[in-house]
Amino acid sequence: MKKMSDLVSKKVKGGAAHYHWVCTVNSFWSTKYSTNASANSARKAHTVKYPSHSLNTYVTSCTGRC
């Protein structure tokens, strides 16, 4: 086993990681996406539909039960 620095160890995701896109305008959390790219694609579709939300949306990773 390789020893990791504190910074690297904090970036390790344990368990089954998945992704959500979030819109803070209406406190909306999307369903689970298995890849960052698919969550980002859905986020972009939301910002096309609602352009004023573009600065308030982001993609986040999640390893817990949600």
Protein backbone atom coordinates (compact mmCIF):
# COMPACT_ATOMS: atom_id res chain seq x y z
CA MET A 1 0.00 0.00 0.00
CA LYS A 2 1.28 3.44 -0.92
CA LYS A 3 1.40 6.25 1.65
CA MET A 4 -0.59 9.32 0.55
CA SER A 5 -0.25 12.91 1.59
CA ASP A 6 -3.11 14.55 3.50
CA LEU A 7 -4.15 16.52 0.41
CA VAL A 8 -4.33 13.43 -1.81
CA SER A 9 -6.14 11.36 0.82
CA LYS A 10 -8.86 14.01 1.12
CA LYS A 11 -9.58 13.68 -2.61
CA VAL A 12 -10.18 9.91 -2.44
CA LYS A 13 -13.84 8.99 -2.83
CA GLY A 14 -14.81 5.85 -1.01
CA GLY A 15 -17.80 3.78 -1.96
CA ALA A 16 -19.96 4.21 -5.02
CA ALA A 17 -19.58 7.83 -6.02
CA HIS A 18 -22.25 9.45 -8.12
CA TYR A 19 -23.07 12.99 -9.23
CA HIS A 20 -25.91 15.49 -8.96
CA TRP A 21 -26.48 18.85 -10.56
CA VAL A 22 -27.81 21.52 -8.22
CA CYS A 23 -29.75 24.72 -8.85
CA THR A 24 -29.63 27.10 -5.90
CA VAL A 25 -32.40 29.32 -7.29
CA ASN A 26 -35.03 26.84 -6.14
CA SER A 27 -32.88 24.51 -3.96
CA PHE A 28 -33.19 21.71 -6.52
CA TRP A 29 -31.02 18.56 -6.40
CA SER A 30 -31.20 16.30 -9.44
CA THR A 31 -31.41 12.53 -9.48
CA LYS A 32 -28.20 10.47 -9.40
CA TYR A 33 -25.91 10.37 -12.43
CA SER A 34 -23.13 7.81 -12.77
CA THR A 35 -20.70 10.18 -14.51
CA ASN A 36 -19.75 13.79 -14.14
CA ALA A 37 -20.25 14.30 -17.88
CA SER A 38 -23.87 13.12 -17.81
CA ALA A 39 -24.68 15.32 -14.81
CA ASN A 40 -23.02 18.29 -16.50
CA SER A 41 -25.02 17.64 -19.68
CA ALA A 42 -28.27 17.70 -17.70
CA ARG A 43 -27.13 20.88 -15.92
CA LYS A 44 -26.48 22.54 -19.28
CA ALA A 45 -29.95 21.53 -20.51
CA HIS A 46 -31.44 23.23 -17.45
CA THR A 47 -29.49 26.45 -18.09
CA VAL A 48 -30.62 26.47 -21.73
CA LYS A 49 -34.21 26.26 -20.56
CA TYR A 50 -33.67 28.80 -17.75
CA PRO A 51 -30.76 31.12 -18.76
CA SER A 52 -31.05 33.25 -15.62
CA HIS A 53 -30.14 30.18 -13.52
CA SER A 54 -26.75 29.66 -15.22
CA LEU A 55 -24.72 31.31 -12.45
CA ASN A 56 -26.60 29.34 -9.80
CA THR A 57 -26.09 25.78 -11.06
CA TYR A 58 -23.22 23.38 -10.48
CA VAL A 59 -22.35 19.69 -10.47
CA THR A 60 -21.29 17.98 -7.27
CA SER A 61 -20.12 14.49 -6.38
CA CYS A 62 -21.82 12.47 -3.67
CA THR A 63 -20.82 9.28 -1.88
CA GLY A 64 -23.59 9.12 0.69
CA ARG A 65 -27.18 8.02 0.63
CA CYS A 66 -29.27 10.78 -0.86
